[in-house]
Amino acid sequence: MDSGMRAMVDAVGEARRQLRENALPKARDTGREKVPEAEEVALLGALAALMESAGDLAYAVADRISPDNSEAYVQASRRLGREARNLRDEERKANRRAK
């Protein structure tokens, strides 16, 4: 694997590891209090940013991928972008409710 691709795979793997080891245990902790609305807005924004970044990565490598697989990367980029926009819309709505 060329060093550029290895760096991409490692970065995605590290993001996944961080989510699973740090964020998910806190989210699953049923003994914690309800999340304040302002913090809900922050998490929606963070999730949207994650989707945007993942979509950007998929799109950026699509032209370097074999023709048999490049369409999968383009489609993934579109889908991730769509979900990021959905999350941004919900972030705006939540922000209005929190004020």
PDB file of N, CA and C in Angstrom:
ATOM      1  N   MET A   1       0.863  -1.170   0.000  1.00  0.00           N
ATOM      2  CA  MET A   1       0.000   0.000   0.000  1.00  0.00           C
ATOM      3  C   MET A   1       0.907   1.229   0.000  1.00  0.00           C
ATOM      4  N   ASP A   2       0.641   2.175  -0.910  1.00  0.00           N
ATOM      5  CA  ASP A   2       1.517   3.344  -0.944  1.00  0.00           C
ATOM      6  C   ASP A   2       1.321   4.179   0.317  1.00  0.00           C
ATOM      7  N   SER A   3       2.323   4.968   0.649  1.00  0.00           N
ATOM      8  CA  SER A   3       2.296   5.687   1.927  1.00  0.00           C
ATOM      9  C   SER A   3       1.114   6.638   2.029  1.00  0.00           C
ATOM     10  N   GLY A   4       0.665   7.222   0.940  1.00  0.00           N
ATOM     11  CA  GLY A   4      -0.492   8.104   0.983  1.00  0.00           C
ATOM     12  C   GLY A   4      -1.761   7.356   1.358  1.00  0.00           C
ATOM     13  N   MET A   5      -1.975   6.218   0.752  1.00  0.00           N
ATOM     14  CA  MET A   5      -3.165   5.430   1.054  1.00  0.00           C
ATOM     15  C   MET A   5      -3.091   4.871   2.467  1.00  0.00           C
ATOM     16  N   ARG A   6      -1.928   4.446   2.880  1.00  0.00           N
ATOM     17  CA  ARG A   6      -1.752   3.931   4.247  1.00  0.00           C
ATOM     18  C   ARG A   6      -2.120   5.012   5.254  1.00  0.00           C
ATOM     19  N   ALA A   7      -1.714   6.249   4.999  1.00  0.00           N
ATOM     20  CA  ALA A   7      -2.045   7.351   5.912  1.00  0.00           C
ATOM     21  C   ALA A   7      -3.558   7.561   5.980  1.00  0.00           C
ATOM     22  N   MET A   8      -4.248   7.434   4.849  1.00  0.00           N
ATOM     23  CA  MET A   8      -5.705   7.606   4.829  1.00  0.00           C
ATOM     24  C   MET A   8      -6.389   6.498   5.623  1.00  0.00           C
ATOM     25  N   VAL A   9      -5.977   5.268   5.373  1.00  0.00           N
ATOM     26  CA  VAL A   9      -6.569   4.128   6.075  1.00  0.00           C
ATOM     27  C   VAL A   9      -6.297   4.239   7.576  1.00  0.00           C
ATOM     28  N   ASP A  10      -5.084   4.612   7.934  1.00  0.00           N
ATOM     29  CA  ASP A  10      -4.741   4.761   9.347  1.00  0.00           C
ATOM     30  C   ASP A  10      -5.557   5.873  10.008  1.00  0.00           C
ATOM     31  N   ALA A  11      -5.737   6.996   9.321  1.00  0.00           N
ATOM     32  CA  ALA A  11      -6.496   8.117   9.884  1.00  0.00           C
ATOM     33  C   ALA A  11      -7.954   7.722  10.120  1.00  0.00           C
ATOM     34  N   VAL A  12      -8.546   7.025   9.163  1.00  0.00           N
ATOM     35  CA  VAL A  12      -9.933   6.570   9.322  1.00  0.00           C
ATOM     36  C   VAL A  12     -10.014   5.555  10.461  1.00  0.00           C
ATOM     37  N   GLY A  13      -9.063   4.663  10.524  1.00  0.00           N
ATOM     38  CA  GLY A  13      -9.034   3.686  11.607  1.00  0.00           C
ATOM     39  C   GLY A  13      -8.877   4.338  12.973  1.00  0.00           C
ATOM     40  N   GLU A  14      -8.054   5.364  13.047  1.00  0.00           N
ATOM     41  CA  GLU A  14      -7.859   6.073  14.315  1.00  0.00           C
ATOM     42  C   GLU A  14      -9.135   6.807  14.731  1.00  0.00           C
ATOM     43  N   ALA A  15      -9.828   7.410  13.787  1.00  0.00           N
ATOM     44  CA  ALA A  15     -11.089   8.083  14.100  1.00  0.00           C
ATOM     45  C   ALA A  15     -12.100   7.064  14.628  1.00  0.00           C
ATOM     46  N   ARG A  16     -12.169   5.923  13.993  1.00  0.00           N
ATOM     47  CA  ARG A  16     -13.085   4.860  14.445  1.00  0.00           C
ATOM     48  C   ARG A  16     -12.712   4.404  15.845  1.00  0.00           C
ATOM     49  N   ARG A  17     -11.436   4.200  16.080  1.00  0.00           N
ATOM     50  CA  ARG A  17     -10.975   3.756  17.398  1.00  0.00           C
ATOM     51  C   ARG A  17     -11.339   4.780  18.471  1.00  0.00           C
ATOM     52  N   GLN A  18     -11.091   6.047  18.177  1.00  0.00           N
ATOM     53  CA  GLN A  18     -11.415   7.110  19.131  1.00  0.00           C
ATOM     54  C   GLN A  18     -12.906   7.123  19.458  1.00  0.00           C
ATOM     55  N   LEU A  19     -13.738   6.986  18.443  1.00  0.00           N
ATOM     56  CA  LEU A  19     -15.181   6.955  18.668  1.00  0.00           C
ATOM     57  C   LEU A  19     -15.578   5.771  19.550  1.00  0.00           C
ATOM     58  N   ARG A  20     -15.065   4.600  19.206  1.00  0.00           N
ATOM     59  CA  ARG A  20     -15.453   3.391  19.931  1.00  0.00           C
ATOM     60  C   ARG A  20     -14.929   3.380  21.365  1.00  0.00           C
ATOM     61  N   GLU A  21     -13.714   3.877  21.574  1.00  0.00           N
ATOM     62  CA  GLU A  21     -13.109   3.805  22.900  1.00  0.00           C
ATOM     63  C   GLU A  21     -13.464   4.986  23.795  1.00  0.00           C
ATOM     64  N   ASN A  22     -13.709   6.149  23.212  1.00  0.00           N
ATOM     65  CA  ASN A  22     -13.929   7.341  24.026  1.00  0.00           C
ATOM     66  C   ASN A  22     -15.364   7.846  24.011  1.00  0.00           C
ATOM     67  N   ALA A  23     -15.965   7.923  22.839  1.00  0.00           N
ATOM     68  CA  ALA A  23     -17.298   8.514  22.743  1.00  0.00           C
ATOM     69  C   ALA A  23     -18.415   7.514  23.065  1.00  0.00           C
ATOM     70  N   LEU A  24     -18.355   6.337  22.477  1.00  0.00           N
ATOM     71  CA  LEU A  24     -19.446   5.373  22.673  1.00  0.00           C
ATOM     72  C   LEU A  24     -19.649   4.968  24.134  1.00  0.00           C
ATOM     73  N   PRO A  25     -18.604   4.708  24.903  1.00  0.00           N
ATOM     74  CA  PRO A  25     -18.851   4.358  26.307  1.00  0.00           C
ATOM     75  C   PRO A  25     -19.581   5.464  27.065  1.00  0.00           C
ATOM     76  N   LYS A  26     -19.246   6.715  26.784  1.00  0.00           N
ATOM     77  CA  LYS A  26     -19.936   7.828  27.440  1.00  0.00           C
ATOM     78  C   LYS A  26     -21.388   7.920  26.971  1.00  0.00           C
ATOM     79  N   ALA A  27     -21.624   7.674  25.697  1.00  0.00           N
ATOM     80  CA  ALA A  27     -22.986   7.724  25.169  1.00  0.00           C
ATOM     81  C   ALA A  27     -23.842   6.602  25.743  1.00  0.00           C
ATOM     82  N   ARG A  28     -23.237   5.470  25.989  1.00  0.00           N
ATOM     83  CA  ARG A  28     -23.986   4.302  26.478  1.00  0.00           C
ATOM     84  C   ARG A  28     -24.160   4.291  27.986  1.00  0.00           C
ATOM     85  N   ASP A  29     -23.496   5.174  28.684  1.00  0.00           N
ATOM     86  CA  ASP A  29     -23.565   5.225  30.143  1.00  0.00           C
ATOM     87  C   ASP A  29     -24.950   5.708  30.568  1.00  0.00           C
ATOM     88  N   THR A  30     -25.802   4.769  30.963  1.00  0.00           N
ATOM     89  CA  THR A  30     -27.187   5.103  31.297  1.00  0.00           C
ATOM     90  C   THR A  30     -27.309   5.857  32.617  1.00  0.00           C
ATOM     91  N   GLY A  31     -26.265   5.877  33.403  1.00  0.00           N
ATOM     92  CA  GLY A  31     -26.312   6.570  34.686  1.00  0.00           C
ATOM     93  C   GLY A  31     -26.081   8.067  34.579  1.00  0.00           C
ATOM     94  N   ARG A  32     -25.795   8.542  33.398  1.00  0.00           N
ATOM     95  CA  ARG A  32     -25.514   9.968  33.224  1.00  0.00           C
ATOM     96  C   ARG A  32     -26.812  10.744  33.076  1.00  0.00           C
ATOM     97  N   GLU A  33     -26.730  12.034  33.392  1.00  0.00           N
ATOM     98  CA  GLU A  33     -27.895  12.909  33.276  1.00  0.00           C
ATOM     99  C   GLU A  33     -28.220  13.189  31.812  1.00  0.00           C
ATOM    100  N   LYS A  34     -29.386  13.754  31.582  1.00  0.00           N
ATOM    101  CA  LYS A  34     -29.793  14.135  30.224  1.00  0.00           C
ATOM    102  C   LYS A  34     -28.808  15.160  29.671  1.00  0.00           C
ATOM    103  N   VAL A  35     -28.670  15.149  28.370  1.00  0.00           N
ATOM    104  CA  VAL A  35     -27.744  16.067  27.698  1.00  0.00           C
ATOM    105  C   VAL A  35     -28.419  17.426  27.534  1.00  0.00           C
ATOM    106  N   PRO A  36     -27.764  18.506  27.956  1.00  0.00           N
ATOM    107  CA  PRO A  36     -28.330  19.842  27.733  1.00  0.00           C
ATOM    108  C   PRO A  36     -28.463  20.126  26.236  1.00  0.00           C
ATOM    109  N   GLU A  37     -29.497  20.896  25.870  1.00  0.00           N
ATOM    110  CA  GLU A  37     -29.758  21.149  24.455  1.00  0.00           C
ATOM    111  C   GLU A  37     -28.561  21.759  23.734  1.00  0.00           C
ATOM    112  N   ALA A  38     -27.837  22.641  24.378  1.00  0.00           N
ATOM    113  CA  ALA A  38     -26.675  23.259  23.725  1.00  0.00           C
ATOM    114  C   ALA A  38     -25.632  22.209  23.353  1.00  0.00           C
ATOM    115  N   GLU A  39     -25.498  21.207  24.196  1.00  0.00           N
ATOM    116  CA  GLU A  39     -24.544  20.131  23.904  1.00  0.00           C
ATOM    117  C   GLU A  39     -25.059  19.216  22.803  1.00  0.00           C
ATOM    118  N   GLU A  40     -26.381  19.069  22.718  1.00  0.00           N
ATOM    119  CA  GLU A  40     -26.962  18.300  21.618  1.00  0.00           C
ATOM    120  C   GLU A  40     -26.592  18.946  20.287  1.00  0.00           C
ATOM    121  N   VAL A  41     -26.663  20.265  20.244  1.00  0.00           N
ATOM    122  CA  VAL A  41     -26.315  21.009  19.036  1.00  0.00           C
ATOM    123  C   VAL A  41     -24.856  20.750  18.668  1.00  0.00           C
ATOM    124  N   ALA A  42     -23.988  20.769  19.653  1.00  0.00           N
ATOM    125  CA  ALA A  42     -22.563  20.544  19.401  1.00  0.00           C
ATOM    126  C   ALA A  42     -22.309  19.157  18.827  1.00  0.00           C
ATOM    127  N   LEU A  43     -23.001  18.155  19.346  1.00  0.00           N
ATOM    128  CA  LEU A  43     -22.797  16.791  18.843  1.00  0.00           C
ATOM    129  C   LEU A  43     -23.326  16.652  17.423  1.00  0.00           C
ATOM    130  N   LEU A  44     -24.483  17.249  17.137  1.00  0.00           N
ATOM    131  CA  LEU A  44     -24.986  17.213  15.759  1.00  0.00           C
ATOM    132  C   LEU A  44     -23.973  17.840  14.806  1.00  0.00           C
ATOM    133  N   GLY A  45     -23.388  18.959  15.207  1.00  0.00           N
ATOM    134  CA  GLY A  45     -22.378  19.613  14.378  1.00  0.00           C
ATOM    135  C   GLY A  45     -21.136  18.754  14.196  1.00  0.00           C
ATOM    136  N   ALA A  46     -20.719  18.096  15.261  1.00  0.00           N
ATOM    137  CA  ALA A  46     -19.538  17.232  15.172  1.00  0.00           C
ATOM    138  C   ALA A  46     -19.803  16.029  14.263  1.00  0.00           C
ATOM    139  N   LEU A  47     -20.990  15.451  14.375  1.00  0.00           N
ATOM    140  CA  LEU A  47     -21.330  14.329  13.498  1.00  0.00           C
ATOM    141  C   LEU A  47     -21.408  14.776  12.043  1.00  0.00           C
ATOM    142  N   ALA A  48     -21.974  15.952  11.803  1.00  0.00           N
ATOM    143  CA  ALA A  48     -22.038  16.483  10.437  1.00  0.00           C
ATOM    144  C   ALA A  48     -20.633  16.684   9.883  1.00  0.00           C
ATOM    145  N   ALA A  49     -19.744  17.242  10.690  1.00  0.00           N
ATOM    146  CA  ALA A  49     -18.369  17.471  10.247  1.00  0.00           C
ATOM    147  C   ALA A  49     -17.662  16.154   9.932  1.00  0.00           C
ATOM    148  N   LEU A  50     -17.937  15.132  10.726  1.00  0.00           N
ATOM    149  CA  LEU A  50     -17.351  13.820  10.471  1.00  0.00           C
ATOM    150  C   LEU A  50     -17.828  13.262   9.132  1.00  0.00           C
ATOM    151  N   MET A  51     -19.134  13.368   8.875  1.00  0.00           N
ATOM    152  CA  MET A  51     -19.684  12.907   7.593  1.00  0.00           C
ATOM    153  C   MET A  51     -19.100  13.710   6.427  1.00  0.00           C
ATOM    154  N   GLU A  52     -18.980  15.021   6.602  1.00  0.00           N
ATOM    155  CA  GLU A  52     -18.402  15.864   5.553  1.00  0.00           C
ATOM    156  C   GLU A  52     -16.970  15.435   5.238  1.00  0.00           C
ATOM    157  N   SER A  53     -16.191  15.203   6.277  1.00  0.00           N
ATOM    158  CA  SER A  53     -14.798  14.801   6.077  1.00  0.00           C
ATOM    159  C   SER A  53     -14.686  13.441   5.408  1.00  0.00           C
ATOM    160  N   ALA A  54     -15.512  12.504   5.833  1.00  0.00           N
ATOM    161  CA  ALA A  54     -15.492  11.177   5.217  1.00  0.00           C
ATOM    162  C   ALA A  54     -15.896  11.272   3.743  1.00  0.00           C
ATOM    163  N   GLY A  55     -16.906  12.078   3.457  1.00  0.00           N
ATOM    164  CA  GLY A  55     -17.329  12.273   2.067  1.00  0.00           C
ATOM    165  C   GLY A  55     -16.245  12.939   1.232  1.00  0.00           C
ATOM    166  N   ASP A  56     -15.582  13.920   1.819  1.00  0.00           N
ATOM    167  CA  ASP A  56     -14.478  14.588   1.113  1.00  0.00           C
ATOM    168  C   ASP A  56     -13.361  13.600   0.783  1.00  0.00           C
ATOM    169  N   LEU A  57     -13.053  12.738   1.735  1.00  0.00           N
ATOM    170  CA  LEU A  57     -12.008  11.744   1.508  1.00  0.00           C
ATOM    171  C   LEU A  57     -12.397  10.789   0.386  1.00  0.00           C
ATOM    172  N   ALA A  58     -13.632  10.290   0.424  1.00  0.00           N
ATOM    173  CA  ALA A  58     -14.085   9.367  -0.624  1.00  0.00           C
ATOM    174  C   ALA A  58     -14.014  10.031  -1.995  1.00  0.00           C
ATOM    175  N   TYR A  59     -14.438  11.277  -2.079  1.00  0.00           N
ATOM    176  CA  TYR A  59     -14.422  11.982  -3.360  1.00  0.00           C
ATOM    177  C   TYR A  59     -12.991  12.247  -3.833  1.00  0.00           C
ATOM    178  N   ALA A  60     -12.126  12.605  -2.890  1.00  0.00           N
ATOM    179  CA  ALA A  60     -10.747  12.951  -3.242  1.00  0.00           C
ATOM    180  C   ALA A  60      -9.976  11.775  -3.843  1.00  0.00           C
ATOM    181  N   VAL A  61     -10.303  10.560  -3.423  1.00  0.00           N
ATOM    182  CA  VAL A  61      -9.562   9.406  -3.941  1.00  0.00           C
ATOM    183  C   VAL A  61     -10.253   8.732  -5.116  1.00  0.00           C
ATOM    184  N   ALA A  62     -11.471   9.144  -5.429  1.00  0.00           N
ATOM    185  CA  ALA A  62     -12.253   8.462  -6.465  1.00  0.00           C
ATOM    186  C   ALA A  62     -11.530   8.392  -7.801  1.00  0.00           C
ATOM    187  N   ASP A  63     -10.790   9.446  -8.159  1.00  0.00           N
ATOM    188  CA  ASP A  63     -10.102   9.431  -9.453  1.00  0.00           C
ATOM    189  C   ASP A  63      -8.817   8.600  -9.424  1.00  0.00           C
ATOM    190  N   ARG A  64      -8.396   8.176  -8.237  1.00  0.00           N
ATOM    191  CA  ARG A  64      -7.207   7.336  -8.112  1.00  0.00           C
ATOM    192  C   ARG A  64      -7.567   5.866  -7.994  1.00  0.00           C
ATOM    193  N   ILE A  65      -8.844   5.580  -7.900  1.00  0.00           N
ATOM    194  CA  ILE A  65      -9.327   4.213  -7.698  1.00  0.00           C
ATOM    195  C   ILE A  65      -9.595   3.570  -9.057  1.00  0.00           C
ATOM    196  N   SER A  66      -9.469   2.258  -9.136  1.00  0.00           N
ATOM    197  CA  SER A  66      -9.711   1.551 -10.397  1.00  0.00           C
ATOM    198  C   SER A  66     -11.124   1.852 -10.900  1.00  0.00           C
ATOM    199  N   PRO A  67     -11.306   1.856 -12.204  1.00  0.00           N
ATOM    200  CA  PRO A  67     -12.631   2.144 -12.777  1.00  0.00           C
ATOM    201  C   PRO A  67     -13.734   1.239 -12.225  1.00  0.00           C
ATOM    202  N   ASP A  68     -13.394   0.020 -11.883  1.00  0.00           N
ATOM    203  CA  ASP A  68     -14.394  -0.904 -11.341  1.00  0.00           C
ATOM    204  C   ASP A  68     -14.930  -0.454  -9.981  1.00  0.00           C
ATOM    205  N   ASN A  69     -14.126   0.298  -9.241  1.00  0.00           N
ATOM    206  CA  ASN A  69     -14.507   0.699  -7.889  1.00  0.00           C
ATOM    207  C   ASN A  69     -14.743   2.192  -7.721  1.00  0.00           C
ATOM    208  N   SER A  70     -14.345   2.999  -8.657  1.00  0.00           N
ATOM    209  CA  SER A  70     -14.417   4.451  -8.464  1.00  0.00           C
ATOM    210  C   SER A  70     -15.842   4.939  -8.258  1.00  0.00           C
ATOM    211  N   GLU A  71     -16.804   4.326  -8.927  1.00  0.00           N
ATOM    212  CA  GLU A  71     -18.200   4.763  -8.763  1.00  0.00           C
ATOM    213  C   GLU A  71     -18.673   4.541  -7.327  1.00  0.00           C
ATOM    214  N   ALA A  72     -18.188   3.508  -6.677  1.00  0.00           N
ATOM    215  CA  ALA A  72     -18.558   3.265  -5.277  1.00  0.00           C
ATOM    216  C   ALA A  72     -18.089   4.418  -4.399  1.00  0.00           C
ATOM    217  N   TYR A  73     -16.903   4.951  -4.678  1.00  0.00           N
ATOM    218  CA  TYR A  73     -16.382   6.075  -3.908  1.00  0.00           C
ATOM    219  C   TYR A  73     -17.171   7.352  -4.181  1.00  0.00           C
ATOM    220  N   VAL A  74     -17.530   7.572  -5.432  1.00  0.00           N
ATOM    221  CA  VAL A  74     -18.330   8.742  -5.785  1.00  0.00           C
ATOM    222  C   VAL A  74     -19.696   8.655  -5.108  1.00  0.00           C
ATOM    223  N   GLN A  75     -20.318   7.495  -5.169  1.00  0.00           N
ATOM    224  CA  GLN A  75     -21.620   7.313  -4.527  1.00  0.00           C
ATOM    225  C   GLN A  75     -21.518   7.478  -3.010  1.00  0.00           C
ATOM    226  N   ALA A  76     -20.470   6.932  -2.425  1.00  0.00           N
ATOM    227  CA  ALA A  76     -20.272   7.086  -0.983  1.00  0.00           C
ATOM    228  C   ALA A  76     -20.123   8.557  -0.632  1.00  0.00           C
ATOM    229  N   SER A  77     -19.379   9.284  -1.437  1.00  0.00           N
ATOM    230  CA  SER A  77     -19.205  10.714  -1.198  1.00  0.00           C
ATOM    231  C   SER A  77     -20.542  11.443  -1.241  1.00  0.00           C
ATOM    232  N   ARG A  78     -21.362  11.123  -2.217  1.00  0.00           N
ATOM    233  CA  ARG A  78     -22.689  11.755  -2.335  1.00  0.00           C
ATOM    234  C   ARG A  78     -23.566  11.417  -1.136  1.00  0.00           C
ATOM    235  N   ARG A  79     -23.578  10.152  -0.764  1.00  0.00           N
ATOM    236  CA  ARG A  79     -24.428   9.736   0.362  1.00  0.00           C
ATOM    237  C   ARG A  79     -23.972  10.364   1.670  1.00  0.00           C
ATOM    238  N   LEU A  80     -22.674  10.365   1.887  1.00  0.00           N
ATOM    239  CA  LEU A  80     -22.147  10.984   3.102  1.00  0.00           C
ATOM    240  C   LEU A  80     -22.436  12.481   3.114  1.00  0.00           C
ATOM    241  N   GLY A  81     -22.310  13.115   1.961  1.00  0.00           N
ATOM    242  CA  GLY A  81     -22.626  14.537   1.864  1.00  0.00           C
ATOM    243  C   GLY A  81     -24.086  14.811   2.166  1.00  0.00           C
ATOM    244  N   ARG A  82     -24.951  13.950   1.666  1.00  0.00           N
ATOM    245  CA  ARG A  82     -26.389  14.089   1.927  1.00  0.00           C
ATOM    246  C   ARG A  82     -26.677  13.952   3.427  1.00  0.00           C
ATOM    247  N   GLU A  83     -26.067  12.975   4.048  1.00  0.00           N
ATOM    248  CA  GLU A  83     -26.272  12.799   5.494  1.00  0.00           C
ATOM    249  C   GLU A  83     -25.689  13.967   6.282  1.00  0.00           C
ATOM    250  N   ALA A  84     -24.562  14.482   5.837  1.00  0.00           N
ATOM    251  CA  ALA A  84     -23.985  15.654   6.506  1.00  0.00           C
ATOM    252  C   ALA A  84     -24.941  16.837   6.410  1.00  0.00           C
ATOM    253  N   ARG A  85     -25.546  17.037   5.247  1.00  0.00           N
ATOM    254  CA  ARG A  85     -26.515  18.134   5.093  1.00  0.00           C
ATOM    255  C   ARG A  85     -27.728  17.911   5.987  1.00  0.00           C
ATOM    256  N   ASN A  86     -28.199  16.669   6.076  1.00  0.00           N
ATOM    257  CA  ASN A  86     -29.318  16.368   6.973  1.00  0.00           C
ATOM    258  C   ASN A  86     -28.957  16.704   8.425  1.00  0.00           C
ATOM    259  N   LEU A  87     -27.773  16.316   8.834  1.00  0.00           N
ATOM    260  CA  LEU A  87     -27.330  16.622  10.194  1.00  0.00           C
ATOM    261  C   LEU A  87     -27.186  18.124  10.408  1.00  0.00           C
ATOM    262  N   ARG A  88     -26.681  18.837   9.416  1.00  0.00           N
ATOM    263  CA  ARG A  88     -26.563  20.303   9.528  1.00  0.00           C
ATOM    264  C   ARG A  88     -27.947  20.935   9.670  1.00  0.00           C
ATOM    265  N   ASP A  89     -28.929  20.428   8.916  1.00  0.00           N
ATOM    266  CA  ASP A  89     -30.303  20.934   9.047  1.00  0.00           C
ATOM    267  C   ASP A  89     -30.821  20.705  10.472  1.00  0.00           C
ATOM    268  N   GLU A  90     -30.604  19.507  10.982  1.00  0.00           N
ATOM    269  CA  GLU A  90     -31.049  19.210  12.349  1.00  0.00           C
ATOM    270  C   GLU A  90     -30.294  20.043  13.372  1.00  0.00           C
ATOM    271  N   GLU A  91     -29.021  20.295  13.102  1.00  0.00           N
ATOM    272  CA  GLU A  91     -28.220  21.146  13.996  1.00  0.00           C
ATOM    273  C   GLU A  91     -28.830  22.548  14.061  1.00  0.00           C
ATOM    274  N   ARG A  92     -29.200  23.104  12.908  1.00  0.00           N
ATOM    275  CA  ARG A  92     -29.810  24.438  12.883  1.00  0.00           C
ATOM    276  C   ARG A  92     -31.136  24.450  13.651  1.00  0.00           C
ATOM    277  N   LYS A  93     -31.950  23.419  13.445  1.00  0.00           N
ATOM    278  CA  LYS A  93     -33.231  23.332  14.152  1.00  0.00           C
ATOM    279  C   LYS A  93     -33.011  23.239  15.661  1.00  0.00           C
ATOM    280  N   ALA A  94     -32.084  22.385  16.061  1.00  0.00           N
ATOM    281  CA  ALA A  94     -31.799  22.212  17.487  1.00  0.00           C
ATOM    282  C   ALA A  94     -31.248  23.497  18.084  1.00  0.00           C
ATOM    283  N   ASN A  95     -30.441  24.205  17.314  1.00  0.00           N
ATOM    284  CA  ASN A  95     -29.878  25.463  17.786  1.00  0.00           C
ATOM    285  C   ASN A  95     -30.984  26.493  18.023  1.00  0.00           C
ATOM    286  N   ARG A  96     -31.949  26.545  17.114  1.00  0.00           N
ATOM    287  CA  ARG A  96     -33.080  27.476  17.301  1.00  0.00           C
ATOM    288  C   ARG A  96     -33.894  27.108  18.547  1.00  0.00           C
ATOM    289  N   ARG A  97     -34.102  25.811  18.766  1.00  0.00           N
ATOM    290  CA  ARG A  97     -34.862  25.384  19.938  1.00  0.00           C
ATOM    291  C   ARG A  97     -34.117  25.666  21.235  1.00  0.00           C
ATOM    292  N   ALA A  98     -32.791  25.576  21.186  1.00  0.00           N
ATOM    293  CA  ALA A  98     -31.972  25.761  22.386  1.00  0.00           C
ATOM    294  C   ALA A  98     -31.894  27.222  22.821  1.00  0.00           C
ATOM    295  N   LYS A  99     -32.192  28.126  21.909  1.00  0.00           N
ATOM    296  CA  LYS A  99     -32.083  29.562  22.250  1.00  0.00           C
ATOM    297  C   LYS A  99     -33.312  30.078  22.928  1.00  0.00           C
TER     298      LYS A  99
END
